[in-house]
Amino acid sequence: MHHKRTYILSLVIVFLLSPFLLKAQITEFKDSVIQISGITMTADSLRAIPAVSVIVRGQGRGTISNAAGVFSIVVFKGDTLTFSAVGFKKKDYKIPPNLKGNNFSLIQLMVEDTTYLPVTIIKPYLSKQEFERAFASMDIPDDAYEIARKNTENAKIRAMTRFTPIDGSEGVNMYLNKQAQSLYYAGQPPPQNIFNPLAWAQFIQAWKRGDFKRHDD
């Protein structure tokens, strides 16, 4: 009986103190969140650096600086920010865990990174004839215009439409069209195109194109 009273008294105390404990946890959470606002600049000329990625390490979230190099992000005190941009060395900044308040301004200076390319040695051809042979046999890749022209050829489009399987959206549309057609002629025989001149014209054109020929794989 004594243990039961002690247990009930403990539950009452926890129930009475729970609002204060919850308030303390919320206050502690608010104190640990901080708004970081800053600007990214070059270390030598203090020039604003746009498009700098500001990532919170280990959390997979972040932001990016605007055209003026200004950024803003919400983090926890004690987090580490990683600054990275093309042409600059990565820079880490650890938020002090003992900062006062919930706002902090930061000027992050970044140092330009030098990229060394492999050595390229240019050698001339031994003779003019050798250069002409190499130039005539050179395989020049297609440009964007030539690639677009080849992709829009009628023969290639017909081949692709003939052998490329339909996707899910096209299959659903085809099924719905067949269902609508069957409902449209419900209760009556469907029309026959044996005497339709347009159908015969389409058949003759398909026959001339070779659509009914057997294509061996």
N, C-alpha and C. Protein backbone atom coordinates (compact mmCIF):
# COMPACT_ATOMS: atom_id res chain seq x y z
N MET A 1 0.83 -1.22 0.00
CA MET A 1 0.00 0.00 0.00
C MET A 1 0.86 1.26 0.00
N HIS A 2 1.98 1.17 0.74
CA HIS A 2 2.88 2.32 0.80
C HIS A 2 3.52 2.59 -0.57
N HIS A 3 3.90 1.52 -1.27
CA HIS A 3 4.50 1.68 -2.60
C HIS A 3 3.49 2.26 -3.59
N LYS A 4 2.24 1.89 -3.45
CA LYS A 4 1.21 2.42 -4.34
C LYS A 4 1.04 3.91 -4.14
N ARG A 5 1.04 4.34 -2.87
CA ARG A 5 0.92 5.78 -2.61
C ARG A 5 2.12 6.54 -3.15
N THR A 6 3.31 5.94 -2.99
CA THR A 6 4.52 6.60 -3.51
C THR A 6 4.46 6.73 -5.03
N TYR A 7 3.97 5.69 -5.71
CA TYR A 7 3.86 5.72 -7.17
C TYR A 7 2.87 6.78 -7.63
N ILE A 8 1.71 6.86 -6.94
CA ILE A 8 0.71 7.87 -7.29
C ILE A 8 1.24 9.26 -7.04
N LEU A 9 1.98 9.45 -5.94
CA LEU A 9 2.55 10.75 -5.63
C LEU A 9 3.58 11.15 -6.68
N SER A 10 4.35 10.18 -7.15
CA SER A 10 5.34 10.48 -8.20
C SER A 10 4.66 10.90 -9.49
N LEU A 11 3.56 10.21 -9.86
CA LEU A 11 2.83 10.59 -11.08
C LEU A 11 2.25 11.99 -10.95
N VAL A 12 1.74 12.33 -9.78
CA VAL A 12 1.18 13.67 -9.58
C VAL A 12 2.27 14.73 -9.70
N ILE A 13 3.44 14.45 -9.14
CA ILE A 13 4.54 15.42 -9.22
C ILE A 13 5.00 15.61 -10.66
N VAL A 14 5.13 14.48 -11.39
CA VAL A 14 5.53 14.58 -12.80
C VAL A 14 4.49 15.32 -13.61
N PHE A 15 3.21 15.07 -13.34
CA PHE A 15 2.14 15.75 -14.06
C PHE A 15 2.16 17.25 -13.78
N LEU A 16 2.46 17.62 -12.53
CA LEU A 16 2.49 19.05 -12.19
C LEU A 16 3.72 19.74 -12.75
N LEU A 17 4.84 19.01 -12.84
CA LEU A 17 6.08 19.63 -13.31
C LEU A 17 6.26 19.54 -14.82
N SER A 18 5.43 18.73 -15.51
CA SER A 18 5.60 18.55 -16.96
C SER A 18 5.49 19.86 -17.74
N PRO A 19 4.56 20.79 -17.43
CA PRO A 19 4.55 22.05 -18.19
C PRO A 19 5.83 22.84 -18.03
N PHE A 20 6.39 22.83 -16.82
CA PHE A 20 7.64 23.58 -16.61
C PHE A 20 8.80 22.91 -17.35
N LEU A 21 8.84 21.57 -17.36
CA LEU A 21 9.89 20.87 -18.09
C LEU A 21 9.77 21.10 -19.58
N LEU A 22 8.52 21.07 -20.09
CA LEU A 22 8.31 21.31 -21.52
C LEU A 22 8.70 22.73 -21.89
N LYS A 23 8.36 23.69 -21.03
CA LYS A 23 8.74 25.07 -21.30
C LYS A 23 10.25 25.23 -21.29
N ALA A 24 10.92 24.53 -20.39
CA ALA A 24 12.38 24.60 -20.34
C ALA A 24 13.00 24.00 -21.60
N GLN A 25 12.44 22.90 -22.11
CA GLN A 25 12.96 22.29 -23.33
C GLN A 25 12.75 23.20 -24.53
N ILE A 26 11.57 23.84 -24.61
CA ILE A 26 11.31 24.76 -25.72
C ILE A 26 12.24 25.95 -25.66
N THR A 27 12.47 26.47 -24.45
CA THR A 27 13.39 27.60 -24.30
C THR A 27 14.81 27.21 -24.70
N GLU A 28 15.23 26.00 -24.31
CA GLU A 28 16.56 25.53 -24.68
C GLU A 28 16.67 25.35 -26.19
N PHE A 29 15.60 24.86 -26.83
CA PHE A 29 15.61 24.68 -28.28
C PHE A 29 15.70 26.03 -28.98
N LYS A 30 14.92 27.01 -28.51
CA LYS A 30 14.97 28.34 -29.11
C LYS A 30 16.35 28.97 -28.95
N ASP A 31 16.98 28.74 -27.82
CA ASP A 31 18.30 29.32 -27.59
C ASP A 31 19.37 28.67 -28.47
N SER A 32 19.15 27.41 -28.90
CA SER A 32 20.15 26.72 -29.71
C SER A 32 20.03 27.03 -31.19
N VAL A 33 18.90 27.60 -31.63
CA VAL A 33 18.70 27.95 -33.04
C VAL A 33 19.21 29.36 -33.27
N ILE A 34 19.91 29.55 -34.40
CA ILE A 34 20.49 30.85 -34.70
C ILE A 34 20.37 31.13 -36.19
N GLN A 35 20.10 32.38 -36.53
CA GLN A 35 19.99 32.83 -37.92
C GLN A 35 21.33 33.44 -38.32
N ILE A 36 21.98 32.80 -39.31
CA ILE A 36 23.27 33.28 -39.80
C ILE A 36 23.03 34.07 -41.09
N SER A 37 23.43 35.32 -41.08
CA SER A 37 23.34 36.17 -42.27
C SER A 37 24.74 36.70 -42.56
N GLY A 38 25.15 36.63 -43.80
CA GLY A 38 26.50 37.07 -44.11
C GLY A 38 26.72 37.30 -45.58
N ILE A 39 27.99 37.47 -45.93
CA ILE A 39 28.38 37.76 -47.30
C ILE A 39 29.69 37.03 -47.58
N THR A 40 29.82 36.52 -48.78
CA THR A 40 31.05 35.85 -49.20
C THR A 40 31.84 36.79 -50.09
N MET A 41 33.14 36.93 -49.78
CA MET A 41 34.00 37.89 -50.48
C MET A 41 35.36 37.26 -50.72
N THR A 42 36.07 37.80 -51.71
CA THR A 42 37.43 37.36 -51.97
C THR A 42 38.36 37.91 -50.90
N ALA A 43 39.37 37.12 -50.54
CA ALA A 43 40.27 37.53 -49.47
C ALA A 43 41.24 38.62 -49.89
N ASP A 44 41.56 38.72 -51.19
CA ASP A 44 42.57 39.69 -51.61
C ASP A 44 41.98 41.04 -52.00
N SER A 45 40.81 41.05 -52.66
CA SER A 45 40.24 42.30 -53.16
C SER A 45 38.89 42.64 -52.54
N LEU A 46 38.39 41.81 -51.62
CA LEU A 46 37.09 42.03 -50.98
C LEU A 46 35.98 42.24 -52.00
N ARG A 47 36.00 41.38 -53.02
CA ARG A 47 34.98 41.40 -54.06
C ARG A 47 33.93 40.34 -53.75
N ALA A 48 32.67 40.70 -53.92
CA ALA A 48 31.58 39.76 -53.61
C ALA A 48 31.65 38.55 -54.53
N ILE A 49 31.40 37.37 -53.96
CA ILE A 49 31.43 36.12 -54.72
C ILE A 49 30.01 35.56 -54.80
N PRO A 50 29.40 35.52 -55.97
CA PRO A 50 28.05 34.96 -56.08
C PRO A 50 28.10 33.44 -56.21
N ALA A 51 26.94 32.82 -56.05
CA ALA A 51 26.75 31.37 -56.27
C ALA A 51 27.69 30.53 -55.42
N VAL A 52 27.87 30.91 -54.17
CA VAL A 52 28.67 30.12 -53.24
C VAL A 52 27.73 29.19 -52.47
N SER A 53 28.04 27.90 -52.48
CA SER A 53 27.23 26.92 -51.76
C SER A 53 27.58 26.95 -50.28
N VAL A 54 26.56 27.12 -49.45
CA VAL A 54 26.73 27.14 -47.99
C VAL A 54 25.98 25.92 -47.45
N ILE A 55 26.72 24.88 -47.07
CA ILE A 55 26.14 23.60 -46.68
C ILE A 55 26.40 23.36 -45.20
N VAL A 56 25.38 22.89 -44.48
CA VAL A 56 25.53 22.49 -43.08
C VAL A 56 26.09 21.07 -43.07
N ARG A 57 27.29 20.90 -42.54
CA ARG A 57 27.95 19.60 -42.59
C ARG A 57 27.16 18.54 -41.83
N GLY A 58 26.98 17.40 -42.52
CA GLY A 58 26.32 16.27 -41.90
C GLY A 58 24.81 16.32 -41.89
N GLN A 59 24.20 17.37 -42.45
CA GLN A 59 22.74 17.48 -42.43
C GLN A 59 22.13 17.51 -43.83
N GLY A 60 22.93 17.67 -44.87
CA GLY A 60 22.43 17.63 -46.22
C GLY A 60 21.51 18.78 -46.59
N ARG A 61 21.65 19.92 -45.99
CA ARG A 61 20.86 21.09 -46.33
C ARG A 61 21.77 22.31 -46.36
N GLY A 62 21.30 23.34 -47.01
CA GLY A 62 22.12 24.54 -47.12
C GLY A 62 21.43 25.59 -47.95
N THR A 63 22.20 26.53 -48.45
CA THR A 63 21.69 27.62 -49.26
C THR A 63 22.79 28.04 -50.22
N ILE A 64 22.54 29.10 -50.97
CA ILE A 64 23.49 29.61 -51.95
C ILE A 64 23.45 31.13 -51.92
N SER A 65 24.60 31.75 -52.06
CA SER A 65 24.67 33.21 -52.02
C SER A 65 24.14 33.80 -53.32
N ASN A 66 23.55 34.98 -53.23
CA ASN A 66 22.97 35.61 -54.40
C ASN A 66 24.03 36.35 -55.21
N ALA A 67 23.58 37.18 -56.16
CA ALA A 67 24.52 37.87 -57.04
C ALA A 67 25.43 38.83 -56.29
N ALA A 68 24.99 39.32 -55.13
CA ALA A 68 25.80 40.23 -54.33
C ALA A 68 26.61 39.49 -53.27
N GLY A 69 26.58 38.16 -53.28
CA GLY A 69 27.32 37.38 -52.31
C GLY A 69 26.64 37.24 -50.96
N VAL A 70 25.40 37.68 -50.82
CA VAL A 70 24.70 37.66 -49.55
C VAL A 70 23.98 36.32 -49.39
N PHE A 71 24.00 35.77 -48.19
CA PHE A 71 23.32 34.51 -47.90
C PHE A 71 22.71 34.59 -46.50
N SER A 72 21.77 33.70 -46.24
CA SER A 72 21.12 33.62 -44.94
C SER A 72 20.65 32.19 -44.73
N ILE A 73 20.89 31.66 -43.52
CA ILE A 73 20.54 30.28 -43.24
C ILE A 73 20.30 30.11 -41.75
N VAL A 74 19.41 29.20 -41.39
CA VAL A 74 19.10 28.89 -39.99
C VAL A 74 19.85 27.62 -39.61
N VAL A 75 20.64 27.67 -38.54
CA VAL A 75 21.43 26.54 -38.09
C VAL A 75 21.32 26.42 -36.58
N PHE A 76 21.96 25.41 -36.04
CA PHE A 76 22.08 25.24 -34.60
C PHE A 76 23.46 25.68 -34.15
N LYS A 77 23.52 26.18 -32.96
CA LYS A 77 24.82 26.57 -32.41
C LYS A 77 25.70 25.32 -32.27
N GLY A 78 26.92 25.44 -32.76
CA GLY A 78 27.83 24.30 -32.78
C GLY A 78 27.92 23.62 -34.12
N ASP A 79 27.02 23.94 -35.09
CA ASP A 79 27.10 23.35 -36.42
C ASP A 79 28.31 23.92 -37.18
N THR A 80 28.69 23.21 -38.24
CA THR A 80 29.80 23.63 -39.09
C THR A 80 29.27 23.91 -40.49
N LEU A 81 29.58 25.09 -41.01
CA LEU A 81 29.19 25.49 -42.36
C LEU A 81 30.37 25.28 -43.30
N THR A 82 30.09 24.73 -44.47
CA THR A 82 31.10 24.52 -45.51
C THR A 82 30.79 25.42 -46.69
N PHE A 83 31.73 26.30 -47.04
CA PHE A 83 31.60 27.22 -48.16
C PHE A 83 32.41 26.67 -49.33
N SER A 84 31.76 26.57 -50.49
CA SER A 84 32.44 26.05 -51.69
C SER A 84 31.93 26.79 -52.91
N ALA A 85 32.85 27.06 -53.83
CA ALA A 85 32.51 27.72 -55.09
C ALA A 85 33.56 27.35 -56.12
N VAL A 86 33.18 27.41 -57.39
CA VAL A 86 34.09 27.07 -58.47
C VAL A 86 35.20 28.13 -58.53
N GLY A 87 36.45 27.67 -58.51
CA GLY A 87 37.58 28.57 -58.58
C GLY A 87 38.08 29.05 -57.23
N PHE A 88 37.49 28.53 -56.14
CA PHE A 88 37.90 28.95 -54.80
C PHE A 88 38.08 27.71 -53.92
N LYS A 89 38.95 27.83 -52.94
CA LYS A 89 39.19 26.74 -52.00
C LYS A 89 38.03 26.64 -51.01
N LYS A 90 37.73 25.41 -50.60
CA LYS A 90 36.67 25.21 -49.62
C LYS A 90 37.07 25.81 -48.28
N LYS A 91 36.06 26.29 -47.57
CA LYS A 91 36.30 26.91 -46.28
C LYS A 91 35.23 26.44 -45.30
N ASP A 92 35.66 26.04 -44.11
CA ASP A 92 34.74 25.60 -43.06
C ASP A 92 34.70 26.64 -41.95
N TYR A 93 33.51 26.80 -41.39
CA TYR A 93 33.34 27.72 -40.26
C TYR A 93 32.44 27.04 -39.23
N LYS A 94 32.94 26.90 -38.03
CA LYS A 94 32.17 26.27 -36.95
C LYS A 94 31.48 27.36 -36.13
N ILE A 95 30.16 27.23 -36.00
CA ILE A 95 29.39 28.19 -35.23
C ILE A 95 29.71 27.99 -33.75
N PRO A 96 30.16 29.03 -33.06
CA PRO A 96 30.46 28.86 -31.63
C PRO A 96 29.21 28.45 -30.85
N PRO A 97 29.32 27.46 -29.98
CA PRO A 97 28.13 27.02 -29.24
C PRO A 97 27.70 27.97 -28.14
N ASN A 98 28.55 28.93 -27.79
CA ASN A 98 28.23 29.85 -26.68
C ASN A 98 27.84 31.23 -27.17
N LEU A 99 27.33 31.33 -28.41
CA LEU A 99 26.89 32.63 -28.91
C LEU A 99 25.66 33.12 -28.16
N LYS A 100 25.59 34.39 -27.97
CA LYS A 100 24.44 34.99 -27.32
C LYS A 100 23.44 35.46 -28.37
N GLY A 101 22.17 35.22 -28.11
CA GLY A 101 21.13 35.66 -29.03
C GLY A 101 20.87 34.65 -30.12
N ASN A 102 20.00 35.03 -31.03
CA ASN A 102 19.59 34.14 -32.12
C ASN A 102 19.91 34.69 -33.49
N ASN A 103 20.77 35.71 -33.57
CA ASN A 103 21.18 36.29 -34.85
C ASN A 103 22.68 36.50 -34.83
N PHE A 104 23.31 36.25 -35.99
CA PHE A 104 24.76 36.39 -36.08
C PHE A 104 25.11 36.78 -37.51
N SER A 105 26.01 37.76 -37.64
CA SER A 105 26.47 38.24 -38.94
C SER A 105 27.86 37.69 -39.21
N LEU A 106 28.11 37.32 -40.46
CA LEU A 106 29.36 36.66 -40.82
C LEU A 106 29.85 37.17 -42.16
N ILE A 107 31.15 37.49 -42.24
CA ILE A 107 31.82 37.83 -43.49
C ILE A 107 32.83 36.72 -43.76
N GLN A 108 32.54 35.92 -44.77
CA GLN A 108 33.40 34.79 -45.08
C GLN A 108 34.32 35.14 -46.25
N LEU A 109 35.60 35.16 -45.99
CA LEU A 109 36.61 35.44 -47.02
C LEU A 109 37.08 34.12 -47.62
N MET A 110 37.19 34.09 -48.95
CA MET A 110 37.58 32.88 -49.67
C MET A 110 38.78 33.18 -50.55
N VAL A 111 39.66 32.19 -50.64
CA VAL A 111 40.90 32.32 -51.39
C VAL A 111 40.74 31.61 -52.73
N GLU A 112 41.19 32.27 -53.79
CA GLU A 112 41.10 31.67 -55.13
C GLU A 112 41.99 30.43 -55.21
N ASP A 113 41.48 29.44 -55.92
CA ASP A 113 42.18 28.17 -56.06
C ASP A 113 42.73 28.06 -57.48
N THR A 114 44.00 27.73 -57.59
CA THR A 114 44.66 27.59 -58.89
C THR A 114 44.57 26.13 -59.35
N THR A 115 44.07 25.93 -60.54
CA THR A 115 43.95 24.58 -61.11
C THR A 115 45.03 24.39 -62.16
N TYR A 116 45.84 23.40 -61.98
CA TYR A 116 46.93 23.12 -62.92
C TYR A 116 46.49 22.05 -63.90
N LEU A 117 46.52 22.40 -65.20
CA LEU A 117 46.13 21.48 -66.25
C LEU A 117 47.34 20.65 -66.68
N PRO A 118 47.11 19.46 -67.21
CA PRO A 118 48.24 18.66 -67.69
C PRO A 118 48.96 19.34 -68.85
N VAL A 119 50.23 19.03 -68.99
CA VAL A 119 51.05 19.65 -70.03
C VAL A 119 50.61 19.15 -71.40
N THR A 120 50.48 20.08 -72.33
CA THR A 120 50.11 19.76 -73.71
C THR A 120 51.26 20.16 -74.63
N ILE A 121 51.72 19.22 -75.41
CA ILE A 121 52.84 19.47 -76.34
C ILE A 121 52.28 19.48 -77.75
N ILE A 122 52.47 20.56 -78.45
CA ILE A 122 51.99 20.71 -79.82
C ILE A 122 53.15 20.46 -80.77
N LYS A 123 52.99 19.51 -81.66
CA LYS A 123 54.02 19.17 -82.64
C LYS A 123 53.48 19.37 -84.05
N PRO A 124 54.28 19.93 -84.94
CA PRO A 124 53.83 20.11 -86.32
C PRO A 124 53.93 18.81 -87.11
N TYR A 125 53.17 18.73 -88.23
CA TYR A 125 53.31 17.60 -89.13
C TYR A 125 54.63 17.68 -89.88
N LEU A 126 55.09 16.52 -90.32
CA LEU A 126 56.39 16.49 -90.98
C LEU A 126 56.35 17.15 -92.35
N SER A 127 55.20 17.07 -93.00
CA SER A 127 55.09 17.65 -94.35
C SER A 127 53.67 18.14 -94.58
N LYS A 128 53.50 18.91 -95.64
CA LYS A 128 52.18 19.42 -96.00
C LYS A 128 51.26 18.29 -96.44
N GLN A 129 51.83 17.30 -97.15
CA GLN A 129 51.02 16.18 -97.62
C GLN A 129 50.46 15.37 -96.44
N GLU A 130 51.30 15.18 -95.42
CA GLU A 130 50.82 14.45 -94.25
C GLU A 130 49.70 15.20 -93.55
N PHE A 131 49.82 16.53 -93.48
CA PHE A 131 48.75 17.33 -92.88
C PHE A 131 47.46 17.22 -93.69
N GLU A 132 47.57 17.24 -95.02
CA GLU A 132 46.38 17.15 -95.86
C GLU A 132 45.70 15.80 -95.69
N ARG A 133 46.48 14.72 -95.60
CA ARG A 133 45.89 13.38 -95.40
C ARG A 133 45.19 13.31 -94.04
N ALA A 134 45.84 13.84 -93.01
CA ALA A 134 45.23 13.81 -91.68
C ALA A 134 43.97 14.66 -91.63
N PHE A 135 44.01 15.80 -92.30
CA PHE A 135 42.84 16.68 -92.29
C PHE A 135 41.68 16.06 -93.06
N ALA A 136 41.98 15.38 -94.18
CA ALA A 136 40.91 14.78 -94.98
C ALA A 136 40.28 13.58 -94.27
N SER A 137 41.05 12.86 -93.48
CA SER A 137 40.53 11.67 -92.78
C SER A 137 40.08 11.97 -91.36
N MET A 138 40.05 13.24 -90.98
CA MET A 138 39.67 13.59 -89.62
C MET A 138 38.17 13.37 -89.42
N ASP A 139 37.81 12.78 -88.31
CA ASP A 139 36.41 12.52 -87.96
C ASP A 139 35.91 13.69 -87.11
N ILE A 140 35.21 14.61 -87.75
CA ILE A 140 34.72 15.80 -87.05
C ILE A 140 33.35 15.48 -86.45
N PRO A 141 33.17 15.67 -85.17
CA PRO A 141 31.86 15.38 -84.56
C PRO A 141 30.80 16.35 -85.05
N ASP A 142 29.56 15.86 -85.04
CA ASP A 142 28.44 16.68 -85.50
C ASP A 142 28.18 17.81 -84.52
N ASP A 143 27.81 18.96 -85.07
CA ASP A 143 27.41 20.06 -84.21
C ASP A 143 25.93 19.93 -83.85
N ALA A 144 25.44 20.90 -83.11
CA ALA A 144 24.05 20.84 -82.64
C ALA A 144 23.07 20.89 -83.82
N TYR A 145 23.39 21.67 -84.86
CA TYR A 145 22.49 21.77 -86.01
C TYR A 145 22.40 20.45 -86.76
N GLU A 146 23.56 19.79 -86.96
CA GLU A 146 23.56 18.52 -87.69
C GLU A 146 22.86 17.43 -86.88
N ILE A 147 23.06 17.44 -85.57
CA ILE A 147 22.37 16.45 -84.73
C ILE A 147 20.86 16.66 -84.78
N ALA A 148 20.41 17.92 -84.73
CA ALA A 148 18.98 18.21 -84.82
C ALA A 148 18.42 17.80 -86.18
N ARG A 149 19.21 18.01 -87.25
CA ARG A 149 18.73 17.63 -88.59
C ARG A 149 18.57 16.12 -88.70
N LYS A 150 19.52 15.36 -88.15
CA LYS A 150 19.41 13.91 -88.21
C LYS A 150 18.25 13.39 -87.36
N ASN A 151 18.02 14.04 -86.24
CA ASN A 151 16.93 13.58 -85.36
C ASN A 151 15.56 13.87 -85.93
N THR A 152 15.45 14.79 -86.88
CA THR A 152 14.15 15.14 -87.46
C THR A 152 13.96 14.57 -88.86
N GLU A 153 14.80 13.64 -89.30
CA GLU A 153 14.61 13.02 -90.60
C GLU A 153 13.34 12.16 -90.57
N ASN A 154 12.59 12.22 -91.67
CA ASN A 154 11.32 11.49 -91.72
C ASN A 154 11.53 9.98 -91.61
N ALA A 155 12.57 9.47 -92.28
CA ALA A 155 12.81 8.03 -92.22
C ALA A 155 13.18 7.59 -90.80
N LYS A 156 13.98 8.39 -90.12
CA LYS A 156 14.37 8.02 -88.75
C LYS A 156 13.18 8.10 -87.81
N ILE A 157 12.33 9.11 -88.00
CA ILE A 157 11.15 9.24 -87.14
C ILE A 157 10.20 8.07 -87.36
N ARG A 158 10.01 7.65 -88.64
CA ARG A 158 9.13 6.51 -88.91
C ARG A 158 9.68 5.23 -88.29
N ALA A 159 11.01 5.06 -88.38
CA ALA A 159 11.62 3.86 -87.78
C ALA A 159 11.48 3.86 -86.27
N MET A 160 11.66 5.02 -85.66
CA MET A 160 11.53 5.11 -84.21
C MET A 160 10.11 4.86 -83.76
N THR A 161 9.13 5.42 -84.49
CA THR A 161 7.73 5.20 -84.12
C THR A 161 7.30 3.75 -84.36
N ARG A 162 8.00 3.05 -85.25
CA ARG A 162 7.62 1.68 -85.55
C ARG A 162 8.18 0.69 -84.53
N PHE A 163 9.39 0.93 -84.05
CA PHE A 163 10.06 -0.05 -83.20
C PHE A 163 10.23 0.41 -81.75
N THR A 164 9.93 1.68 -81.45
CA THR A 164 10.05 2.14 -80.07
C THR A 164 8.78 1.78 -79.31
N PRO A 165 8.87 1.06 -78.21
CA PRO A 165 7.64 0.71 -77.46
C PRO A 165 7.02 1.94 -76.82
N ILE A 166 5.72 1.89 -76.64
CA ILE A 166 5.00 3.00 -76.05
C ILE A 166 5.24 3.02 -74.54
N ASP A 167 5.13 4.21 -73.97
CA ASP A 167 5.30 4.32 -72.53
C ASP A 167 3.95 4.19 -71.83
N GLY A 168 3.94 4.39 -70.53
CA GLY A 168 2.70 4.21 -69.76
C GLY A 168 1.62 5.20 -70.14
N SER A 169 2.02 6.46 -70.36
CA SER A 169 1.03 7.48 -70.71
C SER A 169 0.37 7.19 -72.06
N GLU A 170 1.20 6.80 -73.04
CA GLU A 170 0.62 6.48 -74.35
C GLU A 170 -0.27 5.25 -74.28
N GLY A 171 0.12 4.25 -73.46
CA GLY A 171 -0.72 3.07 -73.33
C GLY A 171 -2.07 3.39 -72.70
N VAL A 172 -2.07 4.25 -71.69
CA VAL A 172 -3.34 4.64 -71.06
C VAL A 172 -4.22 5.40 -72.04
N ASN A 173 -3.62 6.33 -72.81
CA ASN A 173 -4.40 7.09 -73.79
C ASN A 173 -4.99 6.19 -74.87
N MET A 174 -4.21 5.21 -75.32
CA MET A 174 -4.71 4.28 -76.34
C MET A 174 -5.87 3.45 -75.80
N TYR A 175 -5.73 2.99 -74.55
CA TYR A 175 -6.81 2.20 -73.95
C TYR A 175 -8.07 3.04 -73.78
N LEU A 176 -7.91 4.28 -73.32
CA LEU A 176 -9.09 5.13 -73.15
C LEU A 176 -9.74 5.46 -74.48
N ASN A 177 -8.94 5.66 -75.53
CA ASN A 177 -9.53 5.93 -76.84
C ASN A 177 -10.32 4.73 -77.36
N LYS A 178 -9.79 3.52 -77.16
CA LYS A 178 -10.52 2.32 -77.59
C LYS A 178 -11.82 2.14 -76.79
N GLN A 179 -11.75 2.44 -75.50
CA GLN A 179 -12.95 2.35 -74.69
C GLN A 179 -14.00 3.36 -75.14
N ALA A 180 -13.55 4.60 -75.43
CA ALA A 180 -14.50 5.62 -75.89
C ALA A 180 -15.09 5.25 -77.25
N GLN A 181 -14.27 4.65 -78.13
CA GLN A 181 -14.77 4.26 -79.45
C GLN A 181 -15.79 3.12 -79.33
N SER A 182 -15.51 2.17 -78.42
CA SER A 182 -16.45 1.06 -78.25
C SER A 182 -17.77 1.55 -77.65
N LEU A 183 -17.71 2.53 -76.74
CA LEU A 183 -18.94 3.08 -76.18
C LEU A 183 -19.71 3.92 -77.20
N TYR A 184 -18.96 4.56 -78.12
CA TYR A 184 -19.61 5.41 -79.12
C TYR A 184 -20.48 4.58 -80.07
N TYR A 185 -20.02 3.36 -80.39
CA TYR A 185 -20.77 2.50 -81.30
C TYR A 185 -21.49 1.38 -80.55
N ALA A 186 -21.79 1.59 -79.27
CA ALA A 186 -22.49 0.56 -78.50
C ALA A 186 -23.92 0.40 -79.02
N GLY A 187 -24.32 -0.86 -79.19
CA GLY A 187 -25.67 -1.14 -79.66
C GLY A 187 -25.84 -1.08 -81.16
N GLN A 188 -24.78 -0.84 -81.93
CA GLN A 188 -24.87 -0.79 -83.38
C GLN A 188 -23.55 -1.28 -83.97
N PRO A 189 -23.59 -1.78 -85.17
CA PRO A 189 -22.34 -2.27 -85.78
C PRO A 189 -21.42 -1.11 -86.13
N PRO A 190 -20.11 -1.25 -85.91
CA PRO A 190 -19.18 -0.17 -86.25
C PRO A 190 -19.09 0.02 -87.76
N PRO A 191 -18.78 1.19 -88.22
CA PRO A 191 -18.70 1.43 -89.66
C PRO A 191 -17.51 0.70 -90.28
N GLN A 192 -17.66 0.32 -91.53
CA GLN A 192 -16.62 -0.35 -92.28
C GLN A 192 -15.97 0.65 -93.23
N ASN A 193 -14.62 0.61 -93.26
CA ASN A 193 -13.86 1.52 -94.12
C ASN A 193 -13.50 0.91 -95.46
N ILE A 194 -14.19 -0.16 -95.85
CA ILE A 194 -13.85 -0.81 -97.11
C ILE A 194 -14.17 0.09 -98.30
N PHE A 195 -15.18 0.99 -98.14
CA PHE A 195 -15.54 1.90 -99.23
C PHE A 195 -15.14 3.34 -98.92
N ASN A 196 -14.25 3.54 -97.97
CA ASN A 196 -13.79 4.87 -97.60
C ASN A 196 -12.58 5.24 -98.45
N PRO A 197 -12.69 6.27 -99.31
CA PRO A 197 -11.54 6.62 -100.17
C PRO A 197 -10.35 7.13 -99.38
N LEU A 198 -10.57 7.80 -98.25
CA LEU A 198 -9.45 8.29 -97.44
C LEU A 198 -8.67 7.13 -96.83
N ALA A 199 -9.40 6.09 -96.40
CA ALA A 199 -8.72 4.92 -95.85
C ALA A 199 -7.90 4.21 -96.92
N TRP A 200 -8.45 4.12 -98.15
CA TRP A 200 -7.71 3.49 -99.24
C TRP A 200 -6.46 4.30 -99.58
N ALA A 201 -6.58 5.63 -99.55
CA ALA A 201 -5.40 6.47 -99.85
C ALA A 201 -4.31 6.27 -98.80
N GLN A 202 -4.69 6.18 -97.52
CA GLN A 202 -3.71 5.93 -96.48
C GLN A 202 -3.09 4.54 -96.63
N PHE A 203 -3.88 3.56 -97.02
CA PHE A 203 -3.36 2.21 -97.22
C PHE A 203 -2.34 2.16 -98.35
N ILE A 204 -2.65 2.85 -99.46
CA ILE A 204 -1.72 2.86 -100.61
C ILE A 204 -0.42 3.57 -100.24
N GLN A 205 -0.51 4.68 -99.51
CA GLN A 205 0.71 5.38 -99.10
C GLN A 205 1.56 4.51 -98.17
N ALA A 206 0.92 3.82 -97.24
CA ALA A 206 1.67 2.94 -96.34
C ALA A 206 2.30 1.78 -97.10
N TRP A 207 1.61 1.30 -98.12
CA TRP A 207 2.15 0.21 -98.94
C TRP A 207 3.37 0.67 -99.72
N LYS A 208 3.32 1.88 -100.27
CA LYS A 208 4.46 2.42 -101.00
C LYS A 208 5.66 2.67 -100.08
N ARG A 209 5.39 3.08 -98.86
CA ARG A 209 6.49 3.31 -97.92
C ARG A 209 7.14 2.01 -97.45
N GLY A 210 6.45 0.92 -97.62
CA GLY A 210 6.99 -0.36 -97.16
C GLY A 210 6.65 -0.68 -95.72
N ASP A 211 5.55 -0.12 -95.23
CA ASP A 211 5.19 -0.39 -93.84
C ASP A 211 4.77 -1.83 -93.61
N PHE A 212 4.35 -2.53 -94.67
CA PHE A 212 3.87 -3.89 -94.50
C PHE A 212 4.94 -4.92 -94.84
N LYS A 213 6.16 -4.45 -95.14
CA LYS A 213 7.22 -5.41 -95.42
C LYS A 213 7.73 -6.03 -94.13
N ARG A 214 8.25 -7.21 -94.26
CA ARG A 214 8.76 -7.91 -93.09
C ARG A 214 10.18 -7.43 -92.82
N HIS A 215 10.41 -7.01 -91.59
CA HIS A 215 11.73 -6.55 -91.19
C HIS A 215 12.37 -7.59 -90.28
N ASP A 216 13.40 -8.23 -90.81
CA ASP A 216 14.10 -9.23 -90.01
C ASP A 216 15.06 -8.55 -89.06
N ASP A 217 15.09 -9.02 -87.80
CA ASP A 217 16.00 -8.45 -86.81
C ASP A 217 17.44 -8.82 -87.12
